[in-house]
Amino acid sequence: MSINSDKVKRLLLGIDVSNWQGTVDWADHAETGVSFAFAKATEGGDYVDKWFARNWNGMRESWIVCGAYHFARPKGDPIEQARHFLRTIGQAGGLRRGDLVALDLETNDGARPERVARFARRWCHHVERHGGLRPFIYTFHAFAHGGHCAGLAEYPLWIASPAKPRGRPDVPRPWRDWTIHQYANSPIDRNIFHGTRRELTKLGYRPRQRH
């Protein structure tokens, strides 16, 4: 009985949203057990999700661990897109301790796998250096299997695998394990993290120490 209780305690429920969901009732999601969430912030080098600022602040006000993601356009400039992403978060109130970010890597825009992977590495390195946190990589098994995620094993995997049982997705190379599993996508994208809130926020933003 105590083992099962411990497993329940160590399972965090999350959702992810974009402009497709329109207005999101964050207080209601918090009341129904949602502990963390990701909202789309940007896409490419200039697009901003019109609901992002409202979602970002709504998550925070409802005491949900805040996450923001960027939809990658690999034919574009990764540095330009990373700057656009961080600037958009800053305009919405900025990062606070424990906030999360992710790169949504699911389209190649006609680019070869090695170019997509190089784009992703450069984007992540810029966000790490200038944002102060390590991004999650959101992707699908088939996309990763095609070589589009080479060299990204150091970044936590957020795997989209709704066809697999919750908490048991297939893990594509170059990863050996998953961190977040998107196990359902209708009527809303649902995710799980095996661990505590503290363990999740340890993967997020840490303010730099001033000397």
N, C-alpha and C. Protein backbone atom coordinates (compact mmCIF):
# COMPACT_ATOMS: atom_id res chain seq x y z
N MET A 1 0.83 -1.20 0.00
CA MET A 1 0.00 0.00 0.00
C MET A 1 0.86 1.25 0.00
N SER A 2 1.91 1.24 0.82
CA SER A 2 2.79 2.41 0.89
C SER A 2 3.56 2.60 -0.41
N ILE A 3 3.91 1.46 -1.08
CA ILE A 3 4.62 1.56 -2.35
C ILE A 3 3.75 2.22 -3.40
N ASN A 4 2.48 1.79 -3.48
CA ASN A 4 1.58 2.39 -4.45
C ASN A 4 1.36 3.87 -4.16
N SER A 5 1.25 4.21 -2.88
CA SER A 5 1.06 5.61 -2.51
C SER A 5 2.26 6.43 -2.95
N ASP A 6 3.45 5.86 -2.80
CA ASP A 6 4.66 6.58 -3.19
C ASP A 6 4.68 6.81 -4.70
N LYS A 7 4.23 5.83 -5.46
CA LYS A 7 4.19 5.98 -6.91
C LYS A 7 3.24 7.10 -7.32
N VAL A 8 2.10 7.18 -6.63
CA VAL A 8 1.14 8.22 -6.94
C VAL A 8 1.75 9.60 -6.65
N LYS A 9 2.44 9.69 -5.52
CA LYS A 9 3.05 10.96 -5.14
C LYS A 9 4.11 11.39 -6.15
N ARG A 10 4.76 10.43 -6.76
CA ARG A 10 5.86 10.74 -7.66
C ARG A 10 5.43 10.89 -9.12
N LEU A 11 4.14 10.99 -9.37
CA LEU A 11 3.64 11.14 -10.72
C LEU A 11 3.00 12.51 -10.88
N LEU A 12 3.60 13.35 -11.72
CA LEU A 12 3.05 14.68 -11.95
C LEU A 12 2.31 14.70 -13.28
N LEU A 13 1.15 15.31 -13.27
CA LEU A 13 0.35 15.45 -14.48
C LEU A 13 0.55 16.83 -15.09
N GLY A 14 0.63 16.87 -16.42
CA GLY A 14 0.80 18.14 -17.10
C GLY A 14 0.01 18.21 -18.39
N ILE A 15 -0.07 19.41 -18.95
CA ILE A 15 -0.71 19.61 -20.25
C ILE A 15 0.19 20.53 -21.07
N ASP A 16 -0.07 20.60 -22.38
CA ASP A 16 0.57 21.63 -23.20
C ASP A 16 -0.47 22.23 -24.13
N VAL A 17 -0.32 23.52 -24.37
CA VAL A 17 -1.34 24.28 -25.11
C VAL A 17 -0.68 25.22 -26.11
N SER A 18 -1.50 25.68 -27.05
CA SER A 18 -1.09 26.71 -27.99
C SER A 18 -2.32 27.54 -28.32
N ASN A 19 -2.21 28.38 -29.33
CA ASN A 19 -3.34 29.22 -29.71
C ASN A 19 -4.56 28.41 -30.13
N TRP A 20 -4.37 27.14 -30.49
CA TRP A 20 -5.49 26.30 -30.90
C TRP A 20 -6.50 26.09 -29.76
N GLN A 21 -6.03 26.17 -28.51
CA GLN A 21 -6.93 25.97 -27.38
C GLN A 21 -7.70 27.25 -27.01
N GLY A 22 -7.27 28.40 -27.52
CA GLY A 22 -7.93 29.65 -27.16
C GLY A 22 -7.72 29.94 -25.68
N THR A 23 -8.77 30.43 -25.04
CA THR A 23 -8.68 30.76 -23.61
C THR A 23 -8.59 29.48 -22.78
N VAL A 24 -7.61 29.42 -21.90
CA VAL A 24 -7.39 28.25 -21.04
C VAL A 24 -7.73 28.63 -19.61
N ASP A 25 -8.56 27.81 -18.97
CA ASP A 25 -8.93 28.03 -17.56
C ASP A 25 -7.88 27.35 -16.69
N TRP A 26 -6.82 28.09 -16.36
CA TRP A 26 -5.72 27.50 -15.62
C TRP A 26 -6.10 27.13 -14.20
N ALA A 27 -6.94 27.92 -13.59
CA ALA A 27 -7.37 27.60 -12.22
C ALA A 27 -8.11 26.27 -12.19
N ASP A 28 -8.93 26.01 -13.21
CA ASP A 28 -9.66 24.75 -13.28
C ASP A 28 -8.70 23.58 -13.48
N HIS A 29 -7.70 23.75 -14.35
CA HIS A 29 -6.72 22.69 -14.56
C HIS A 29 -5.95 22.40 -13.27
N ALA A 30 -5.60 23.44 -12.54
CA ALA A 30 -4.88 23.25 -11.28
C ALA A 30 -5.72 22.47 -10.29
N GLU A 31 -7.01 22.77 -10.25
CA GLU A 31 -7.91 22.08 -9.32
C GLU A 31 -8.09 20.61 -9.68
N THR A 32 -7.93 20.28 -10.95
CA THR A 32 -8.11 18.89 -11.39
C THR A 32 -6.79 18.12 -11.41
N GLY A 33 -5.73 18.71 -10.85
CA GLY A 33 -4.50 17.95 -10.66
C GLY A 33 -3.35 18.23 -11.60
N VAL A 34 -3.51 19.22 -12.48
CA VAL A 34 -2.40 19.56 -13.38
C VAL A 34 -1.33 20.30 -12.58
N SER A 35 -0.10 19.78 -12.62
CA SER A 35 1.01 20.35 -11.85
C SER A 35 1.99 21.14 -12.69
N PHE A 36 2.07 20.82 -13.98
CA PHE A 36 2.99 21.55 -14.85
C PHE A 36 2.37 21.69 -16.23
N ALA A 37 2.86 22.66 -16.99
CA ALA A 37 2.31 22.89 -18.33
C ALA A 37 3.33 23.60 -19.20
N PHE A 38 3.20 23.39 -20.50
CA PHE A 38 3.98 24.13 -21.49
C PHE A 38 3.01 24.86 -22.40
N ALA A 39 3.32 26.10 -22.70
CA ALA A 39 2.54 26.89 -23.65
C ALA A 39 3.43 27.29 -24.81
N LYS A 40 2.89 27.24 -26.00
CA LYS A 40 3.66 27.68 -27.16
C LYS A 40 3.93 29.17 -27.05
N ALA A 41 5.20 29.53 -27.25
CA ALA A 41 5.58 30.94 -27.20
C ALA A 41 5.83 31.48 -28.61
N THR A 42 6.64 30.75 -29.37
CA THR A 42 7.10 31.27 -30.65
C THR A 42 7.24 30.16 -31.68
N GLU A 43 7.37 30.60 -32.93
CA GLU A 43 7.64 29.69 -34.05
C GLU A 43 8.49 30.44 -35.05
N GLY A 44 9.53 29.78 -35.54
CA GLY A 44 10.40 30.43 -36.50
C GLY A 44 11.07 31.66 -35.92
N GLY A 45 11.35 32.65 -36.79
CA GLY A 45 12.09 33.82 -36.35
C GLY A 45 11.27 35.03 -35.98
N ASP A 46 9.93 34.96 -36.20
CA ASP A 46 9.16 36.16 -35.91
C ASP A 46 7.74 35.92 -35.36
N TYR A 47 7.26 34.68 -35.41
CA TYR A 47 5.89 34.43 -34.97
C TYR A 47 5.82 34.33 -33.44
N VAL A 48 4.81 34.99 -32.86
CA VAL A 48 4.52 34.89 -31.43
C VAL A 48 3.09 34.39 -31.26
N ASP A 49 2.92 33.35 -30.46
CA ASP A 49 1.58 32.85 -30.17
C ASP A 49 0.80 33.93 -29.41
N LYS A 50 -0.35 34.31 -29.94
CA LYS A 50 -1.09 35.45 -29.37
C LYS A 50 -1.60 35.19 -27.96
N TRP A 51 -1.67 33.92 -27.55
CA TRP A 51 -2.15 33.59 -26.21
C TRP A 51 -1.02 33.37 -25.23
N PHE A 52 0.23 33.46 -25.69
CA PHE A 52 1.32 33.05 -24.81
C PHE A 52 1.39 33.86 -23.52
N ALA A 53 1.40 35.16 -23.59
CA ALA A 53 1.55 35.98 -22.38
C ALA A 53 0.44 35.67 -21.38
N ARG A 54 -0.78 35.51 -21.88
CA ARG A 54 -1.90 35.19 -20.99
C ARG A 54 -1.71 33.81 -20.37
N ASN A 55 -1.27 32.84 -21.17
CA ASN A 55 -1.05 31.49 -20.64
C ASN A 55 0.09 31.47 -19.62
N TRP A 56 1.18 32.17 -19.93
CA TRP A 56 2.36 32.21 -19.06
C TRP A 56 1.97 32.74 -17.67
N ASN A 57 1.24 33.83 -17.67
CA ASN A 57 0.83 34.41 -16.39
C ASN A 57 -0.27 33.62 -15.72
N GLY A 58 -1.14 32.99 -16.51
CA GLY A 58 -2.19 32.16 -15.94
C GLY A 58 -1.64 30.94 -15.24
N MET A 59 -0.63 30.31 -15.81
CA MET A 59 0.04 29.18 -15.16
C MET A 59 0.64 29.62 -13.84
N ARG A 60 1.35 30.73 -13.87
CA ARG A 60 2.02 31.21 -12.67
C ARG A 60 1.03 31.54 -11.56
N GLU A 61 -0.05 32.20 -11.92
CA GLU A 61 -1.06 32.58 -10.93
C GLU A 61 -1.75 31.36 -10.32
N SER A 62 -1.78 30.26 -11.06
CA SER A 62 -2.43 29.04 -10.57
C SER A 62 -1.43 28.07 -9.94
N TRP A 63 -0.21 28.52 -9.74
CA TRP A 63 0.83 27.73 -9.07
C TRP A 63 1.17 26.45 -9.85
N ILE A 64 1.07 26.54 -11.16
CA ILE A 64 1.46 25.45 -12.05
C ILE A 64 2.89 25.73 -12.51
N VAL A 65 3.72 24.70 -12.52
CA VAL A 65 5.09 24.87 -13.02
C VAL A 65 5.02 25.34 -14.47
N CYS A 66 5.65 26.48 -14.75
CA CYS A 66 5.53 27.13 -16.06
C CYS A 66 6.54 26.60 -17.07
N GLY A 67 6.05 26.26 -18.24
CA GLY A 67 6.92 25.87 -19.34
C GLY A 67 6.55 26.63 -20.60
N ALA A 68 7.55 26.96 -21.41
CA ALA A 68 7.33 27.62 -22.70
C ALA A 68 8.07 26.84 -23.77
N TYR A 69 7.49 26.75 -24.97
CA TYR A 69 8.19 26.04 -26.03
C TYR A 69 8.24 26.84 -27.33
N HIS A 70 9.25 26.54 -28.11
CA HIS A 70 9.46 27.16 -29.41
C HIS A 70 9.30 26.09 -30.48
N PHE A 71 8.50 26.38 -31.51
CA PHE A 71 8.32 25.46 -32.63
C PHE A 71 9.42 25.74 -33.65
N ALA A 72 10.31 24.77 -33.82
CA ALA A 72 11.49 24.96 -34.66
C ALA A 72 11.15 24.98 -36.14
N ARG A 73 11.80 25.91 -36.84
CA ARG A 73 11.78 25.95 -38.31
C ARG A 73 13.23 25.81 -38.77
N PRO A 74 13.66 24.56 -38.99
CA PRO A 74 15.09 24.28 -39.17
C PRO A 74 15.76 24.91 -40.39
N LYS A 75 15.00 25.42 -41.34
CA LYS A 75 15.63 26.08 -42.48
C LYS A 75 16.03 27.51 -42.13
N GLY A 76 15.55 28.00 -40.98
CA GLY A 76 15.89 29.35 -40.56
C GLY A 76 17.16 29.39 -39.73
N ASP A 77 17.45 30.56 -39.18
CA ASP A 77 18.65 30.78 -38.38
C ASP A 77 18.37 30.39 -36.93
N PRO A 78 19.07 29.40 -36.39
CA PRO A 78 18.79 28.95 -35.02
C PRO A 78 19.05 30.02 -33.96
N ILE A 79 20.07 30.85 -34.16
CA ILE A 79 20.37 31.88 -33.18
C ILE A 79 19.29 32.95 -33.19
N GLU A 80 18.87 33.35 -34.37
CA GLU A 80 17.78 34.32 -34.49
C GLU A 80 16.51 33.80 -33.82
N GLN A 81 16.22 32.51 -34.02
CA GLN A 81 15.01 31.93 -33.43
C GLN A 81 15.13 31.81 -31.91
N ALA A 82 16.33 31.49 -31.42
CA ALA A 82 16.53 31.39 -29.97
C ALA A 82 16.39 32.76 -29.31
N ARG A 83 16.94 33.79 -29.95
CA ARG A 83 16.81 35.15 -29.42
C ARG A 83 15.36 35.58 -29.40
N HIS A 84 14.65 35.27 -30.45
CA HIS A 84 13.22 35.61 -30.55
C HIS A 84 12.44 34.94 -29.42
N PHE A 85 12.75 33.69 -29.16
CA PHE A 85 12.08 32.92 -28.10
C PHE A 85 12.35 33.55 -26.72
N LEU A 86 13.62 33.79 -26.41
CA LEU A 86 13.96 34.35 -25.09
C LEU A 86 13.40 35.76 -24.93
N ARG A 87 13.42 36.54 -26.01
CA ARG A 87 12.87 37.89 -25.95
C ARG A 87 11.37 37.86 -25.66
N THR A 88 10.68 36.92 -26.28
CA THR A 88 9.22 36.80 -26.08
C THR A 88 8.89 36.43 -24.64
N ILE A 89 9.66 35.51 -24.06
CA ILE A 89 9.46 35.15 -22.66
C ILE A 89 9.71 36.37 -21.77
N GLY A 90 10.77 37.11 -22.08
CA GLY A 90 11.08 38.30 -21.30
C GLY A 90 9.96 39.31 -21.34
N GLN A 91 9.34 39.49 -22.49
CA GLN A 91 8.25 40.44 -22.63
C GLN A 91 6.99 39.99 -21.89
N ALA A 92 6.90 38.68 -21.64
CA ALA A 92 5.74 38.14 -20.91
C ALA A 92 5.95 38.10 -19.40
N GLY A 93 7.10 38.58 -18.93
CA GLY A 93 7.37 38.60 -17.50
C GLY A 93 8.66 37.93 -17.11
N GLY A 94 9.27 37.20 -18.07
CA GLY A 94 10.57 36.60 -17.82
C GLY A 94 10.53 35.28 -17.10
N LEU A 95 11.71 34.72 -16.91
CA LEU A 95 11.87 33.43 -16.26
C LEU A 95 12.04 33.60 -14.76
N ARG A 96 11.45 32.68 -14.01
CA ARG A 96 11.65 32.61 -12.57
C ARG A 96 12.17 31.22 -12.23
N ARG A 97 12.66 31.09 -11.02
CA ARG A 97 13.24 29.83 -10.58
C ARG A 97 12.30 28.65 -10.85
N GLY A 98 12.84 27.63 -11.52
CA GLY A 98 12.06 26.42 -11.77
C GLY A 98 11.29 26.41 -13.07
N ASP A 99 11.22 27.54 -13.78
CA ASP A 99 10.52 27.56 -15.07
C ASP A 99 11.25 26.67 -16.08
N LEU A 100 10.49 26.14 -17.03
CA LEU A 100 11.00 25.19 -18.01
C LEU A 100 10.88 25.75 -19.43
N VAL A 101 11.76 25.30 -20.32
CA VAL A 101 11.64 25.65 -21.74
C VAL A 101 11.87 24.40 -22.57
N ALA A 102 11.36 24.43 -23.80
CA ALA A 102 11.49 23.27 -24.68
C ALA A 102 11.58 23.70 -26.14
N LEU A 103 12.25 22.87 -26.92
CA LEU A 103 12.30 23.03 -28.37
C LEU A 103 11.41 21.96 -28.98
N ASP A 104 10.39 22.39 -29.72
CA ASP A 104 9.48 21.48 -30.40
C ASP A 104 10.10 21.14 -31.76
N LEU A 105 10.63 19.93 -31.85
CA LEU A 105 11.39 19.50 -33.02
C LEU A 105 10.61 18.38 -33.71
N GLU A 106 9.80 18.76 -34.68
CA GLU A 106 8.95 17.75 -35.32
C GLU A 106 8.81 17.94 -36.83
N THR A 107 9.39 18.99 -37.39
CA THR A 107 9.35 19.16 -38.83
C THR A 107 10.75 19.49 -39.34
N ASN A 108 11.06 18.99 -40.53
CA ASN A 108 12.40 19.26 -41.09
C ASN A 108 12.39 20.38 -42.11
N ASP A 109 11.18 20.87 -42.48
CA ASP A 109 11.07 21.95 -43.47
C ASP A 109 11.81 21.61 -44.76
N GLY A 110 11.94 20.32 -45.04
CA GLY A 110 12.63 19.91 -46.25
C GLY A 110 14.14 19.83 -46.13
N ALA A 111 14.65 20.10 -44.93
CA ALA A 111 16.10 20.05 -44.71
C ALA A 111 16.53 18.62 -44.39
N ARG A 112 17.78 18.32 -44.65
CA ARG A 112 18.33 17.00 -44.35
C ARG A 112 18.46 16.81 -42.84
N PRO A 113 18.41 15.55 -42.37
CA PRO A 113 18.46 15.30 -40.92
C PRO A 113 19.64 15.94 -40.21
N GLU A 114 20.82 15.91 -40.85
CA GLU A 114 21.99 16.47 -40.17
C GLU A 114 21.88 17.99 -40.00
N ARG A 115 21.21 18.65 -40.94
CA ARG A 115 21.01 20.10 -40.81
C ARG A 115 20.01 20.39 -39.70
N VAL A 116 18.97 19.58 -39.61
CA VAL A 116 17.97 19.76 -38.54
C VAL A 116 18.64 19.58 -37.18
N ALA A 117 19.43 18.54 -37.05
CA ALA A 117 20.10 18.26 -35.78
C ALA A 117 21.09 19.38 -35.42
N ARG A 118 21.80 19.89 -36.41
CA ARG A 118 22.74 20.99 -36.17
C ARG A 118 21.99 22.25 -35.74
N PHE A 119 20.86 22.51 -36.40
CA PHE A 119 20.00 23.64 -36.00
C PHE A 119 19.61 23.51 -34.53
N ALA A 120 19.14 22.32 -34.15
CA ALA A 120 18.67 22.11 -32.78
C ALA A 120 19.79 22.28 -31.76
N ARG A 121 20.96 21.76 -32.07
CA ARG A 121 22.09 21.90 -31.14
C ARG A 121 22.46 23.37 -30.95
N ARG A 122 22.50 24.12 -32.03
CA ARG A 122 22.87 25.54 -31.93
C ARG A 122 21.79 26.32 -31.17
N TRP A 123 20.54 26.02 -31.43
CA TRP A 123 19.44 26.68 -30.71
C TRP A 123 19.55 26.41 -29.22
N CYS A 124 19.75 25.15 -28.87
CA CYS A 124 19.84 24.77 -27.46
C CYS A 124 21.04 25.41 -26.77
N HIS A 125 22.17 25.42 -27.44
CA HIS A 125 23.37 26.01 -26.85
C HIS A 125 23.16 27.50 -26.56
N HIS A 126 22.49 28.19 -27.48
CA HIS A 126 22.24 29.62 -27.27
C HIS A 126 21.31 29.83 -26.07
N VAL A 127 20.26 29.04 -25.99
CA VAL A 127 19.31 29.18 -24.88
C VAL A 127 19.99 28.85 -23.55
N GLU A 128 20.82 27.83 -23.55
CA GLU A 128 21.58 27.49 -22.33
C GLU A 128 22.47 28.65 -21.90
N ARG A 129 23.18 29.20 -22.85
CA ARG A 129 24.16 30.24 -22.53
C ARG A 129 23.50 31.55 -22.11
N HIS A 130 22.45 31.92 -22.82
CA HIS A 130 21.85 33.24 -22.59
C HIS A 130 20.56 33.19 -21.77
N GLY A 131 19.95 32.01 -21.68
CA GLY A 131 18.74 31.88 -20.88
C GLY A 131 18.98 31.31 -19.49
N GLY A 132 20.09 30.57 -19.36
CA GLY A 132 20.44 30.03 -18.05
C GLY A 132 19.75 28.74 -17.69
N LEU A 133 19.29 27.98 -18.69
CA LEU A 133 18.68 26.69 -18.41
C LEU A 133 18.78 25.78 -19.62
N ARG A 134 18.65 24.49 -19.37
CA ARG A 134 18.77 23.48 -20.41
C ARG A 134 17.38 23.15 -20.97
N PRO A 135 17.18 23.29 -22.28
CA PRO A 135 15.87 23.00 -22.86
C PRO A 135 15.55 21.50 -22.89
N PHE A 136 14.27 21.20 -22.82
CA PHE A 136 13.76 19.88 -23.17
C PHE A 136 13.69 19.80 -24.70
N ILE A 137 13.76 18.59 -25.24
CA ILE A 137 13.52 18.36 -26.66
C ILE A 137 12.22 17.59 -26.80
N TYR A 138 11.24 18.23 -27.43
CA TYR A 138 9.96 17.57 -27.71
C TYR A 138 10.04 17.01 -29.13
N THR A 139 9.80 15.71 -29.27
CA THR A 139 9.85 15.12 -30.60
C THR A 139 9.07 13.81 -30.63
N PHE A 140 9.01 13.23 -31.81
CA PHE A 140 8.33 11.95 -32.03
C PHE A 140 9.37 10.87 -32.31
N HIS A 141 9.01 9.63 -32.05
CA HIS A 141 9.93 8.52 -32.24
C HIS A 141 10.43 8.45 -33.68
N ALA A 142 9.53 8.52 -34.63
CA ALA A 142 9.91 8.38 -36.03
C ALA A 142 10.83 9.52 -36.47
N PHE A 143 10.58 10.72 -35.98
CA PHE A 143 11.39 11.88 -36.35
C PHE A 143 12.81 11.72 -35.81
N ALA A 144 12.91 11.33 -34.54
CA ALA A 144 14.22 11.11 -33.94
C ALA A 144 14.94 9.94 -34.62
N HIS A 145 14.19 8.90 -34.92
CA HIS A 145 14.77 7.70 -35.55
C HIS A 145 15.38 8.04 -36.91
N GLY A 146 14.85 9.09 -37.55
CA GLY A 146 15.37 9.49 -38.86
C GLY A 146 16.67 10.25 -38.80
N GLY A 147 17.20 10.46 -37.59
CA GLY A 147 18.49 11.13 -37.45
C GLY A 147 18.41 12.62 -37.18
N HIS A 148 17.20 13.15 -36.98
CA HIS A 148 17.03 14.59 -36.81
C HIS A 148 17.44 15.09 -35.42
N CYS A 149 17.73 14.18 -34.51
CA CYS A 149 18.05 14.57 -33.13
C CYS A 149 19.46 14.17 -32.72
N ALA A 150 20.31 13.93 -33.69
CA ALA A 150 21.68 13.51 -33.39
C ALA A 150 22.39 14.56 -32.53
N GLY A 151 23.08 14.08 -31.51
CA GLY A 151 23.84 14.98 -30.65
C GLY A 151 23.04 15.68 -29.57
N LEU A 152 21.80 15.27 -29.36
CA LEU A 152 20.94 15.95 -28.40
C LEU A 152 20.70 15.13 -27.13
N ALA A 153 21.45 14.06 -26.94
CA ALA A 153 21.20 13.17 -25.80
C ALA A 153 21.37 13.84 -24.45
N GLU A 154 22.12 14.94 -24.40
CA GLU A 154 22.33 15.63 -23.12
C GLU A 154 21.10 16.41 -22.66
N TYR A 155 20.15 16.59 -23.56
CA TYR A 155 18.94 17.34 -23.23
C TYR A 155 17.81 16.39 -22.87
N PRO A 156 17.01 16.74 -21.85
CA PRO A 156 15.92 15.84 -21.43
C PRO A 156 14.89 15.65 -22.54
N LEU A 157 14.46 14.41 -22.69
CA LEU A 157 13.52 14.05 -23.76
C LEU A 157 12.07 14.19 -23.30
N TRP A 158 11.32 14.95 -24.09
CA TRP A 158 9.86 15.04 -23.94
C TRP A 158 9.30 14.34 -25.17
N ILE A 159 8.90 13.10 -25.00
CA ILE A 159 8.53 12.27 -26.13
C ILE A 159 7.02 12.25 -26.35
N ALA A 160 6.62 12.54 -27.58
CA ALA A 160 5.21 12.47 -27.96
C ALA A 160 4.93 11.05 -28.43
N SER A 161 4.18 10.31 -27.62
CA SER A 161 3.91 8.92 -27.94
C SER A 161 2.54 8.51 -27.42
N PRO A 162 1.46 9.08 -28.03
CA PRO A 162 0.11 8.81 -27.54
C PRO A 162 -0.37 7.39 -27.80
N ALA A 163 0.32 6.66 -28.68
CA ALA A 163 -0.09 5.29 -28.97
C ALA A 163 0.38 4.30 -27.92
N LYS A 164 1.29 4.74 -27.05
CA LYS A 164 1.84 3.84 -26.04
C LYS A 164 1.17 4.10 -24.69
N PRO A 165 1.14 3.08 -23.81
CA PRO A 165 0.55 3.27 -22.48
C PRO A 165 1.26 4.38 -21.71
N ARG A 166 0.51 5.05 -20.87
CA ARG A 166 1.04 6.16 -20.10
C ARG A 166 2.25 5.72 -19.28
N GLY A 167 3.35 6.42 -19.48
CA GLY A 167 4.58 6.11 -18.75
C GLY A 167 5.41 5.00 -19.36
N ARG A 168 5.02 4.50 -20.55
CA ARG A 168 5.79 3.43 -21.18
C ARG A 168 6.02 3.70 -22.67
N PRO A 169 6.54 4.87 -22.99
CA PRO A 169 6.81 5.15 -24.41
C PRO A 169 8.08 4.46 -24.89
N ASP A 170 8.16 4.22 -26.19
CA ASP A 170 9.43 3.79 -26.76
C ASP A 170 10.38 4.98 -26.75
N VAL A 171 11.63 4.72 -26.43
CA VAL A 171 12.63 5.80 -26.36
C VAL A 171 13.54 5.71 -27.58
N PRO A 172 13.56 6.75 -28.41
CA PRO A 172 14.39 6.71 -29.62
C PRO A 172 15.83 7.13 -29.33
N ARG A 173 16.75 6.70 -30.16
CA ARG A 173 18.11 7.20 -30.08
C ARG A 173 18.11 8.68 -30.45
N PRO A 174 18.98 9.48 -29.86
CA PRO A 174 20.16 9.12 -29.06
C PRO A 174 19.89 8.98 -27.56
N TRP A 175 18.62 9.04 -27.13
CA TRP A 175 18.31 8.99 -25.70
C TRP A 175 18.26 7.56 -25.20
N ARG A 176 18.47 7.42 -23.91
CA ARG A 176 18.33 6.13 -23.25
C ARG A 176 17.10 6.08 -22.36
N ASP A 177 16.55 7.26 -22.05
CA ASP A 177 15.38 7.31 -21.18
C ASP A 177 14.58 8.56 -21.52
N TRP A 178 13.33 8.58 -21.09
CA TRP A 178 12.47 9.73 -21.31
C TRP A 178 12.32 10.51 -20.00
N THR A 179 11.96 11.78 -20.12
CA THR A 179 11.73 12.61 -18.95
C THR A 179 10.26 13.00 -18.84
N ILE A 180 9.66 13.41 -19.95
CA ILE A 180 8.22 13.69 -20.00
C ILE A 180 7.62 12.86 -21.13
N HIS A 181 6.47 12.27 -20.87
CA HIS A 181 5.76 11.48 -21.88
C HIS A 181 4.43 12.17 -22.19
N GLN A 182 4.27 12.59 -23.44
CA GLN A 182 2.96 13.06 -23.89
C GLN A 182 2.17 11.83 -24.32
N TYR A 183 1.22 11.43 -23.47
CA TYR A 183 0.54 10.15 -23.66
C TYR A 183 -0.84 10.29 -24.28
N ALA A 184 -1.36 11.49 -24.42
CA ALA A 184 -2.68 11.71 -25.01
C ALA A 184 -2.69 13.06 -25.70
N ASN A 185 -3.46 13.16 -26.77
CA ASN A 185 -3.54 14.44 -27.49
C ASN A 185 -4.95 14.83 -27.86
N SER A 186 -5.93 14.24 -27.21
CA SER A 186 -7.32 14.60 -27.47
C SER A 186 -8.15 14.43 -26.19
N PRO A 187 -8.95 15.41 -25.81
CA PRO A 187 -9.17 16.71 -26.48
C PRO A 187 -8.07 17.73 -26.20
N ILE A 188 -7.12 17.39 -25.34
CA ILE A 188 -6.00 18.27 -25.03
C ILE A 188 -4.76 17.41 -24.84
N ASP A 189 -3.60 17.98 -25.13
CA ASP A 189 -2.35 17.23 -24.96
C ASP A 189 -2.07 17.03 -23.47
N ARG A 190 -1.86 15.77 -23.09
CA ARG A 190 -1.61 15.44 -21.68
C ARG A 190 -0.26 14.75 -21.53
N ASN A 191 0.42 15.09 -20.44
CA ASN A 191 1.78 14.64 -20.20
C ASN A 191 1.95 14.13 -18.78
N ILE A 192 2.99 13.32 -18.58
CA ILE A 192 3.36 12.92 -17.22
C ILE A 192 4.86 13.07 -17.04
N PHE A 193 5.22 13.34 -15.79
CA PHE A 193 6.61 13.37 -15.36
C PHE A 193 6.71 12.46 -14.16
N HIS A 194 7.61 11.48 -14.21
CA HIS A 194 7.80 10.60 -13.06
C HIS A 194 8.78 11.27 -12.10
N GLY A 195 8.24 11.82 -11.04
CA GLY A 195 9.07 12.50 -10.07
C GLY A 195 8.24 13.53 -9.32
N THR A 196 8.89 14.24 -8.45
CA THR A 196 8.22 15.25 -7.65
C THR A 196 8.31 16.61 -8.33
N ARG A 197 7.53 17.53 -7.82
CA ARG A 197 7.58 18.90 -8.33
C ARG A 197 8.99 19.47 -8.18
N ARG A 198 9.61 19.18 -7.05
CA ARG A 198 10.96 19.69 -6.82
C ARG A 198 11.94 19.11 -7.83
N GLU A 199 11.80 17.83 -8.14
CA GLU A 199 12.69 17.20 -9.12
C GLU A 199 12.49 17.80 -10.51
N LEU A 200 11.25 18.14 -10.83
CA LEU A 200 10.98 18.75 -12.13
C LEU A 200 11.56 20.15 -12.21
N THR A 201 11.34 20.95 -11.19
CA THR A 201 11.83 22.33 -11.24
C THR A 201 13.35 22.41 -11.17
N LYS A 202 13.99 21.35 -10.67
CA LYS A 202 15.46 21.32 -10.69
C LYS A 202 16.00 21.28 -12.12
N LEU A 203 15.16 20.86 -13.06
CA LEU A 203 15.54 20.84 -14.47
C LEU A 203 15.32 22.19 -15.13
N GLY A 204 14.80 23.14 -14.37
CA GLY A 204 14.44 24.44 -14.92
C GLY A 204 15.43 25.54 -14.61
N TYR A 205 14.94 26.74 -14.70
CA TYR A 205 15.76 27.94 -14.58
C TYR A 205 16.29 28.14 -13.17
N ARG A 206 17.56 28.49 -13.11
CA ARG A 206 18.20 28.84 -11.85
C ARG A 206 18.84 30.23 -12.01
N PRO A 207 18.39 31.22 -11.24
CA PRO A 207 18.99 32.56 -11.37
C PRO A 207 20.50 32.49 -11.13
N ARG A 208 21.23 33.22 -11.92
CA ARG A 208 22.68 33.25 -11.76
C ARG A 208 23.05 34.00 -10.49
N GLN A 209 24.05 33.50 -9.80
CA GLN A 209 24.51 34.13 -8.57
C GLN A 209 25.29 35.40 -8.93
N ARG A 210 24.99 36.44 -8.19
CA ARG A 210 25.71 37.70 -8.40
C ARG A 210 26.80 37.84 -7.34
N HIS A 211 27.96 38.23 -7.78
CA HIS A 211 29.10 38.38 -6.87
C HIS A 211 29.46 39.84 -6.72
